[in-house]
Every structure is written in structure tokens, then in C-alpha cells.
Amino acid sequence: MPRIRSAAKASHPPRPTTVDSRRRWLILVHQLPATPSNLRVRTWRRLQELGAVAVKQAVYVLPDTAESREDFEWLKVEIEGSGGEALVFSADQVNASADATLVEEFRRARQLAYAELATELQQAQRVRTSRQRPAGRRSDLSRYRQRFAAIERVDFFSSAGRDRVVALLADLEARSPSAVPQVEGAEGTDSRLYHGRFWVTRPRPGVDRMASAWLIRRFIDPGARFGFVTDAKAAPADAVPFDVFGAGFGHEADRCTFETLQARFDIHEPAVARLGEIVHDLDLKDNRFGSPEAATLGAAIDGLQLACADDAILLEQGMTLFEALYRSFAQATRSPKPRAVAGRTRKPSRPK
């Protein structure tokens, strides 16, 4: 039986990691059924959002990283759930010429995306905006930022054109992005059935697993203990899996695991909803909410993963990060706003 690593006791310092100079590639091969008819389009769009490059029909490639593997594995789950077939595997025996060709193809695709966005930004600068309402200008800028963030997230090899887009966006920076909607939906799972449980997830936690663990301990199971398994079948019978492929609480439809837990346990706090938007944008990479904090939080989590070799320490540090964000958002929600006074301000009368 595979060994389960627990996050309950983690005292030893992070260990240095070794770096393999060989580039590894992650490959997804899929076969889609004839129905549902929109599955082919949905799959193609999802692969575009992930930045995958097609090398042959139904064969797509990404650089082999933990994040890319997670993206491909979730897509595999979606394809198989719709009646299709998918296989994910890695390759490190690629000759130098083929390796260089793949890198150039990734750069070319991102360079084209940057160029298209730059053209739109230049056109926007030439359009007269004096009659456009402020809300419309904020909405346009938010849309451009989302487009840029989506391209930048999958720019794995520093493609040309990024700096030009950054400069063009800077000219519009004074306009604020519009507010984003809150996540809704609930199935009403009784949290009392999940008190004092052992929760398991996959190793090397990222944004969705960190946020989900925080949500579990903060709102669902204050005494939650956490461990890590590479396969749901290796978990103890009484353990509760989350963000584990094919078991427990995970992605549902267009929700990430954090959103699934929000909905299942009927958690509707505004600060939690705001966190859910950020986690969704970072984890699913579809820019649904256009969260302005997503890029900064993503960089912070990348730093934690580099600094913490021990998964238990990494998860605890991530939970601390989300607790801090939650308190900040909750405080901002509670802070009273100055009341606007209609009409002319009335001067106090002088004493007689």
C-alpha cells in the first residue's frame, strides 16, 4: 500500500531540490465521441486557454510542469466524463532539433496573440472616448487586462511582443476595472458529518488545494487534519479526498474545488466569494472574473512552492496566506463608507 504523508507534523526544514537540465514535455492524446456535439469545441477552447500546441491531430503538448500536468489531468477527467478517451504522458527523449521546433512554435503562438492585442489597444487609443461613460472605459480596460493576463500565463518561453502590450496598457492604467460578480450556488451538505476528519489531497499543493484546505479548516471542519496521496485508492477508508482525480470533492462542471466546497457547504460570505473568484481565475485559467489580484497571488504561491520542499509546510503556509487575504477582504467589507450628502451643505447656525 503506498505510504500516506500527513501534514499533521512537519518540523524538519525544507530540503534543497535538484534540477534536471533536460527539458520534459507533457503530451495529451484524446479521442472524442460524436456526442455531445459541443464537446469538440469545448475541448479545443480549453486547450487554447492552457496554451497547448497541437503537434498532430488530437495530440497536444505543454512543458512538463506540475501545473501543466494538473491542467491536462483535469481536462482528461472532463473528456472521459463525456464519454471520450484521453491519455497523458511525459517525454524527455526529444532530440535537440524537435525540442527547438516545439519551443519556437510556443513562442510564435504567443507572439501572434500579443500582436493581436497590441493592435486592439492601438485602435482603442485612437477612438474618441470623451462621450464614453466611465463604466464603459473601466469595462474595456478590464477586458484588455484579462486578455493580457491570459496570454502571459501561457507564455512559457518569453515571447516577443509582451513589452509593447505592457506599454500600451500603461496608457490606460488610470481607468479602474469594473467590479466582478460573486459566486453563487449551494447543495447544502451537512458540515457536521465532516467534523474531525482526515482530509487527503495530492502532493505539491497549489492554489486550489491551498485555498480548499483553508476553507475546510475555517468553515467546515475546524479540527481537520491533512495528508497527501498520489492515488485516491491509497487513502484510508474514512479519509475525505479533495482535489483528487476521480474521488471526493473536486472540480464539478465549470467549478474548481474551492467553488465546489463553497456550494456544497452553503458558504456565502462576501470575502469568501471574492477569494473564490481569484482561485477560479488562477486554477481554471478562463478569466471568468478578471480578478486583479490573481497575478500577484499566483506569484506568491509560486514563491512558496519554491521555498518549501516539504508538502505539509507548503500547505500550512498557503493556508496562512489565504487566512490573511480573507481577513483583509472581510475588513474591507465591514469598513463603513462615507455617506454622500445630497444638495448644498448647510452651515451650522451661529448661537444667538
Protein backbone atom coordinates (compact mmCIF):
# COMPACT_ATOMS: atom_id res chain seq x y z
CA MET A 1 0.00 0.00 0.00
CA PRO A 2 1.51 3.40 -0.91
CA ARG A 3 2.62 5.49 2.01
CA ILE A 4 0.41 8.40 3.05
CA ARG A 5 2.25 11.53 4.10
CA SER A 6 0.50 13.54 6.79
CA ALA A 7 0.52 17.29 7.27
CA ALA A 8 -0.17 16.99 10.98
CA LYS A 9 3.51 17.01 11.98
CA ALA A 10 6.03 18.91 9.92
CA SER A 11 9.10 20.12 11.74
CA HIS A 12 12.12 19.48 9.54
CA PRO A 13 13.36 22.34 7.32
CA PRO A 14 12.86 22.37 3.52
CA ARG A 15 15.30 20.26 1.57
CA PRO A 16 17.12 21.60 -1.48
CA THR A 17 15.80 20.26 -4.77
CA THR A 18 17.86 19.07 -7.70
CA VAL A 19 17.28 20.45 -11.17
CA ASP A 20 17.35 18.26 -14.28
CA SER A 21 18.67 20.22 -17.24
CA ARG A 22 16.76 18.10 -19.77
CA ARG A 23 13.52 19.66 -20.93
CA ARG A 24 10.49 17.43 -20.49
CA TRP A 25 7.28 17.69 -22.45
CA LEU A 26 3.80 16.69 -21.40
CA ILE A 27 1.60 15.12 -24.08
CA LEU A 28 -2.18 14.76 -24.21
CA VAL A 29 -3.74 12.39 -26.74
CA HIS A 30 -7.53 12.31 -26.93
CA GLN A 31 -10.36 10.72 -28.86
CA LEU A 32 -13.74 12.48 -28.63
CA PRO A 33 -17.15 10.90 -29.17
CA ALA A 34 -19.61 12.21 -31.75
CA THR A 35 -21.93 13.41 -28.99
CA PRO A 36 -22.29 15.77 -27.24
CA SER A 37 -21.75 17.88 -30.33
CA ASN A 38 -20.17 20.80 -28.46
CA LEU A 39 -17.51 18.69 -26.71
CA ARG A 40 -15.04 19.13 -29.55
CA VAL A 41 -15.34 22.93 -29.43
CA ARG A 42 -15.17 22.98 -25.62
CA THR A 43 -12.06 20.82 -25.61
CA TRP A 44 -10.37 22.93 -28.29
CA ARG A 45 -11.10 26.15 -26.39
CA ARG A 46 -9.82 24.66 -23.15
CA LEU A 47 -6.56 23.61 -24.84
CA GLN A 48 -6.18 27.12 -26.23
CA GLU A 49 -6.67 28.59 -22.76
CA LEU A 50 -3.98 26.26 -21.40
CA GLY A 51 -1.58 27.36 -24.15
CA ALA A 52 -1.17 23.84 -25.55
CA VAL A 53 0.33 23.40 -29.02
CA ALA A 54 -1.01 20.78 -31.45
CA VAL A 55 1.70 18.58 -32.95
CA LYS A 56 -0.73 16.24 -34.71
CA GLN A 57 -4.47 15.80 -34.85
CA ALA A 58 -5.73 15.22 -31.28
CA VAL A 59 -2.14 15.33 -29.92
CA TYR A 60 -1.24 18.38 -27.80
CA VAL A 61 1.92 19.38 -25.94
CA LEU A 62 2.78 21.52 -22.92
CA PRO A 63 6.04 21.96 -21.00
CA ASP A 64 6.05 19.29 -18.29
CA THR A 65 5.42 21.17 -15.06
CA ALA A 66 3.27 20.37 -12.05
CA GLU A 67 0.74 22.99 -13.14
CA SER A 68 0.58 21.71 -16.73
CA ARG A 69 0.17 18.14 -15.53
CA GLU A 70 -2.71 19.20 -13.30
CA ASP A 71 -4.35 21.09 -16.19
CA PHE A 72 -4.07 18.12 -18.54
CA GLU A 73 -5.29 15.67 -15.88
CA TRP A 74 -8.41 17.74 -15.20
CA LEU A 75 -9.07 18.01 -18.93
CA LYS A 76 -8.66 14.23 -19.17
CA VAL A 77 -11.29 13.84 -16.44
CA GLU A 78 -13.67 16.13 -18.37
CA ILE A 79 -13.15 14.26 -21.65
CA GLU A 80 -13.63 10.85 -20.07
CA GLY A 81 -16.68 12.12 -18.19
CA SER A 82 -18.24 12.99 -21.56
CA GLY A 83 -17.63 9.52 -22.98
CA GLY A 84 -14.29 10.22 -24.67
CA GLU A 85 -10.81 8.78 -24.15
CA ALA A 86 -7.63 10.60 -23.15
CA LEU A 87 -4.06 9.71 -22.28
CA VAL A 88 -1.49 11.95 -20.58
CA PHE A 89 2.21 11.07 -20.57
CA SER A 90 5.57 12.81 -20.44
CA ALA A 91 8.50 12.63 -22.85
CA ASP A 92 12.12 13.57 -22.20
CA GLN A 93 13.76 11.77 -25.11
CA VAL A 94 13.20 14.54 -27.67
CA ASN A 95 16.11 15.34 -29.97
CA ALA A 96 17.54 18.86 -29.99
CA SER A 97 16.00 19.81 -33.32
CA ALA A 98 12.49 18.74 -32.34
CA ASP A 99 12.88 20.43 -28.96
CA ALA A 100 13.86 23.72 -30.59
CA THR A 101 10.97 23.43 -33.04
CA LEU A 102 8.47 23.00 -30.20
CA VAL A 103 9.87 25.99 -28.30
CA GLU A 104 9.67 28.14 -31.42
CA GLU A 105 6.07 27.04 -32.03
CA PHE A 106 5.08 28.08 -28.50
CA ARG A 107 6.82 31.44 -28.96
CA ARG A 108 5.19 32.01 -32.33
CA ALA A 109 1.71 31.36 -30.95
CA ARG A 110 2.18 33.75 -28.02
CA GLN A 111 3.84 36.39 -30.22
CA LEU A 112 0.81 36.34 -32.52
CA ALA A 113 -1.53 36.72 -29.52
CA TYR A 114 0.48 39.69 -28.18
CA ALA A 115 0.44 41.32 -31.64
CA GLU A 116 -3.33 40.98 -31.96
CA LEU A 117 -3.89 42.51 -28.53
CA ALA A 118 -1.46 45.35 -29.29
CA THR A 119 -3.41 46.15 -32.46
CA GLU A 120 -6.66 46.35 -30.48
CA LEU A 121 -5.04 48.59 -27.88
CA GLN A 122 -3.73 50.94 -30.57
CA GLN A 123 -7.20 51.15 -32.10
CA ALA A 124 -8.69 51.86 -28.68
CA GLN A 125 -6.25 54.74 -28.21
CA ARG A 126 -7.36 56.31 -31.49
CA VAL A 127 -11.06 56.09 -30.68
CA ARG A 128 -12.58 59.22 -29.16
CA THR A 129 -13.69 58.36 -25.60
CA SER A 130 -14.91 61.79 -24.45
CA ARG A 131 -18.56 60.63 -24.75
CA GLN A 132 -17.99 57.18 -23.32
CA ARG A 133 -19.19 56.66 -19.80
CA PRO A 134 -16.58 55.88 -17.10
CA ALA A 135 -18.14 52.44 -16.52
CA GLY A 136 -17.62 51.63 -20.20
CA ARG A 137 -13.97 52.68 -20.08
CA ARG A 138 -13.36 50.60 -16.97
CA SER A 139 -15.03 47.61 -18.61
CA ASP A 140 -12.82 47.94 -21.71
CA LEU A 141 -9.65 48.16 -19.65
CA SER A 142 -10.67 45.15 -17.55
CA ARG A 143 -11.23 43.15 -20.72
CA TYR A 144 -7.80 44.11 -22.10
CA ARG A 145 -6.13 43.23 -18.80
CA GLN A 146 -7.82 39.86 -18.78
CA ARG A 147 -6.65 39.17 -22.32
CA PHE A 148 -3.08 40.14 -21.44
CA ALA A 149 -3.08 38.06 -18.23
CA ALA A 150 -4.37 35.03 -20.15
CA ILE A 151 -1.60 35.31 -22.76
CA GLU A 152 1.12 35.98 -20.18
CA ARG A 153 0.14 32.94 -18.09
CA VAL A 154 0.83 30.60 -21.01
CA ASP A 155 3.88 32.46 -22.34
CA PHE A 156 6.26 29.72 -21.27
CA PHE A 157 9.28 30.90 -23.26
CA SER A 158 9.29 34.73 -23.04
CA SER A 159 7.86 35.52 -26.46
CA ALA A 160 8.39 38.80 -28.27
CA GLY A 161 5.66 41.42 -28.08
CA ARG A 162 4.92 41.39 -24.36
CA ASP A 163 6.71 44.63 -23.52
CA ARG A 164 4.82 46.50 -26.23
CA VAL A 165 1.48 45.39 -24.78
CA VAL A 166 2.61 46.41 -21.29
CA ALA A 167 3.47 49.90 -22.58
CA LEU A 168 0.12 50.26 -24.36
CA LEU A 169 -1.80 49.13 -21.29
CA ALA A 170 0.10 51.64 -19.16
CA ASP A 171 -1.54 54.46 -21.14
CA LEU A 172 -4.96 53.26 -19.93
CA GLU A 173 -3.91 52.43 -16.36
CA ALA A 174 -5.74 55.33 -14.74
CA ARG A 175 -9.08 53.69 -15.50
CA SER A 176 -10.22 51.22 -12.91
CA PRO A 177 -11.60 47.73 -13.70
CA SER A 178 -15.26 47.12 -13.08
CA ALA A 179 -16.47 45.12 -10.16
CA VAL A 180 -16.77 41.39 -10.62
CA PRO A 181 -19.79 39.24 -9.71
CA GLN A 182 -19.93 36.85 -6.77
CA VAL A 183 -20.04 33.07 -6.94
CA GLU A 184 -23.42 31.55 -6.21
CA GLY A 185 -24.81 28.05 -5.81
CA ALA A 186 -25.19 25.55 -2.98
CA GLU A 187 -26.22 21.95 -2.40
CA GLY A 188 -26.45 22.16 1.39
CA THR A 189 -24.12 19.35 2.59
CA ASP A 190 -24.30 18.95 6.37
CA SER A 191 -20.89 20.03 7.68
CA ARG A 192 -21.50 18.16 10.98
CA LEU A 193 -20.82 14.93 9.11
CA TYR A 194 -17.31 16.17 8.32
CA HIS A 195 -16.06 17.26 11.75
CA GLY A 196 -12.76 15.85 12.98
CA ARG A 197 -11.99 14.12 9.69
CA PHE A 198 -8.76 13.26 7.90
CA TRP A 199 -8.69 15.06 4.53
CA VAL A 200 -6.33 13.96 1.77
CA THR A 201 -5.20 15.68 -1.39
CA ARG A 202 -2.45 15.42 -3.98
CA PRO A 203 1.20 16.32 -3.21
CA ARG A 204 2.73 19.72 -4.04
CA PRO A 205 -0.39 21.76 -3.27
CA GLY A 206 -1.14 24.75 -5.50
CA VAL A 207 -3.72 27.50 -5.37
CA ASP A 208 -6.87 25.33 -5.41
CA ARG A 209 -5.63 22.84 -2.83
CA MET A 210 -4.24 25.56 -0.53
CA ALA A 211 -7.46 27.57 -0.70
CA SER A 212 -9.64 24.47 -0.29
CA ALA A 213 -7.70 23.31 2.78
CA TRP A 214 -8.07 26.78 4.28
CA LEU A 215 -11.83 26.77 3.56
CA ILE A 216 -12.20 23.32 5.10
CA ARG A 217 -10.49 24.24 8.34
CA ARG A 218 -12.04 27.74 8.55
CA PHE A 219 -15.68 26.92 7.78
CA ILE A 220 -16.26 23.16 7.54
CA ASP A 221 -14.01 21.16 9.90
CA PRO A 222 -12.02 23.25 12.44
CA GLY A 223 -10.20 20.12 13.58
CA ALA A 224 -9.32 18.96 10.08
CA ARG A 225 -6.08 17.03 9.59
CA PHE A 226 -4.47 16.88 6.18
CA GLY A 227 -2.40 14.31 4.32
CA PHE A 228 -1.22 13.59 0.80
CA VAL A 229 -1.82 10.68 -1.56
CA THR A 230 -0.83 10.20 -5.17
CA ASP A 231 -3.82 7.94 -5.81
CA ALA A 232 -7.30 8.14 -4.25
CA LYS A 233 -7.27 4.33 -3.87
CA ALA A 234 -4.39 4.67 -1.41
CA ALA A 235 -6.42 6.80 1.01
CA PRO A 236 -7.82 5.25 4.21
CA ALA A 237 -11.47 4.26 4.04
CA ASP A 238 -12.56 7.06 6.40
CA ALA A 239 -10.50 9.81 4.71
CA VAL A 240 -12.16 12.60 2.72
CA PRO A 241 -10.39 13.30 -0.59
CA PHE A 242 -10.43 16.80 -2.09
CA ASP A 243 -8.95 17.95 -5.39
CA VAL A 244 -8.00 14.32 -6.09
CA PHE A 245 -8.79 12.98 -9.53
CA GLY A 246 -11.94 10.86 -9.53
CA ALA A 247 -12.76 10.98 -5.81
CA GLY A 248 -14.30 13.17 -3.12
CA PHE A 249 -14.74 16.90 -3.57
CA GLY A 250 -13.21 18.14 -6.82
CA HIS A 251 -13.96 20.04 -9.99
CA GLU A 252 -17.63 19.99 -10.97
CA ALA A 253 -18.75 21.35 -14.34
CA ASP A 254 -17.08 24.77 -14.54
CA ARG A 255 -16.20 24.98 -10.84
CA CYS A 256 -12.80 24.50 -9.25
CA THR A 257 -12.61 22.50 -6.00
CA PHE A 258 -12.79 25.63 -3.83
CA GLU A 259 -16.05 26.66 -5.55
CA THR A 260 -17.44 23.14 -5.20
CA LEU A 261 -16.84 23.25 -1.44
CA GLN A 262 -18.38 26.73 -1.27
CA ALA A 263 -21.50 25.49 -2.97
CA ARG A 264 -21.79 22.12 -1.22
CA PHE A 265 -21.42 23.60 2.27
CA ASP A 266 -23.50 26.72 1.62
CA ILE A 267 -20.75 29.26 2.33
CA HIS A 268 -21.81 32.68 1.09
CA GLU A 269 -19.64 35.24 2.87
CA PRO A 270 -18.68 38.11 0.50
CA ALA A 271 -14.99 37.78 1.43
CA VAL A 272 -15.07 34.04 0.63
CA ALA A 273 -16.85 34.74 -2.65
CA ARG A 274 -14.10 37.17 -3.60
CA LEU A 275 -11.44 34.58 -2.78
CA GLY A 276 -13.35 32.08 -4.89
CA GLU A 277 -13.17 34.36 -7.91
CA ILE A 278 -9.39 34.68 -7.60
CA VAL A 279 -8.89 30.93 -7.11
CA HIS A 280 -11.13 30.18 -10.10
CA ASP A 281 -9.21 32.52 -12.40
CA LEU A 282 -5.84 31.12 -11.32
CA ASP A 283 -6.83 27.45 -11.34
CA LEU A 284 -9.08 27.22 -14.41
CA LYS A 285 -7.36 29.99 -16.38
CA ASP A 286 -10.56 31.06 -18.13
CA ASN A 287 -10.53 34.68 -16.84
CA ARG A 288 -14.19 34.47 -15.94
CA PHE A 289 -13.92 37.05 -13.17
CA GLY A 290 -10.88 39.03 -14.29
CA SER A 291 -9.61 39.21 -10.70
CA PRO A 292 -6.95 41.94 -10.48
CA GLU A 293 -5.30 40.16 -7.52
CA ALA A 294 -4.85 36.87 -9.37
CA ALA A 295 -1.42 37.56 -10.87
CA THR A 296 0.07 38.72 -7.55
CA LEU A 297 -1.36 35.78 -5.62
CA GLY A 298 -0.15 33.39 -8.29
CA ALA A 299 3.38 34.77 -7.98
CA ALA A 300 3.25 34.44 -4.18
CA ILE A 301 2.17 30.79 -4.42
CA ASP A 302 4.91 30.10 -6.96
CA GLY A 303 7.38 31.52 -4.43
CA LEU A 304 6.01 29.34 -1.63
CA GLN A 305 6.38 26.23 -3.79
CA LEU A 306 10.00 27.14 -4.49
CA ALA A 307 10.72 27.89 -0.83
CA CYS A 308 9.00 24.83 0.71
CA ALA A 309 10.19 21.38 -0.28
CA ASP A 310 8.00 19.75 2.39
CA ASP A 311 4.35 19.49 1.28
CA ALA A 312 2.98 19.75 4.83
CA ILE A 313 4.82 23.02 5.42
CA LEU A 314 3.79 24.26 1.99
CA LEU A 315 0.11 23.58 2.69
CA GLU A 316 0.22 25.31 6.08
CA GLN A 317 1.99 28.34 4.60
CA GLY A 318 -0.61 28.51 1.84
CA MET A 319 -3.46 28.33 4.36
CA THR A 320 -1.87 31.17 6.32
CA LEU A 321 -1.71 33.22 3.13
CA PHE A 322 -5.42 32.67 2.44
CA GLU A 323 -6.34 33.46 6.03
CA ALA A 324 -4.56 36.80 5.67
CA LEU A 325 -6.36 37.55 2.40
CA TYR A 326 -9.71 36.58 3.91
CA ARG A 327 -9.23 38.90 6.89
CA SER A 328 -8.22 41.75 4.59
CA PHE A 329 -11.26 41.26 2.33
CA ALA A 330 -13.61 40.85 5.31
CA GLN A 331 -12.27 44.04 6.91
CA ALA A 332 -12.79 45.95 3.65
CA THR A 333 -16.37 44.65 3.51
CA ARG A 334 -17.11 45.78 7.08
CA SER A 335 -15.48 49.23 6.77
CA PRO A 336 -18.17 51.92 6.65
CA LYS A 337 -18.27 54.04 3.54
CA PRO A 338 -18.67 57.81 3.77
CA ARG A 339 -22.25 58.83 3.24
CA ALA A 340 -22.90 61.13 0.31
CA VAL A 341 -24.86 64.26 1.18
CA ALA A 342 -27.31 65.40 -1.47
CA GLY A 343 -27.74 69.08 -2.22
CA ARG A 344 -25.92 72.03 -0.73
CA THR A 345 -24.17 71.59 2.58
CA ARG A 346 -25.97 73.50 5.28
CA LYS A 347 -23.81 75.68 7.50
CA PRO A 348 -24.41 75.41 11.25
CA SER A 349 -26.31 78.30 12.68
CA ARG A 350 -24.50 80.73 14.93
CA PRO A 351 -25.53 80.85 18.54
CA LYS A 352 -27.61 83.91 19.38
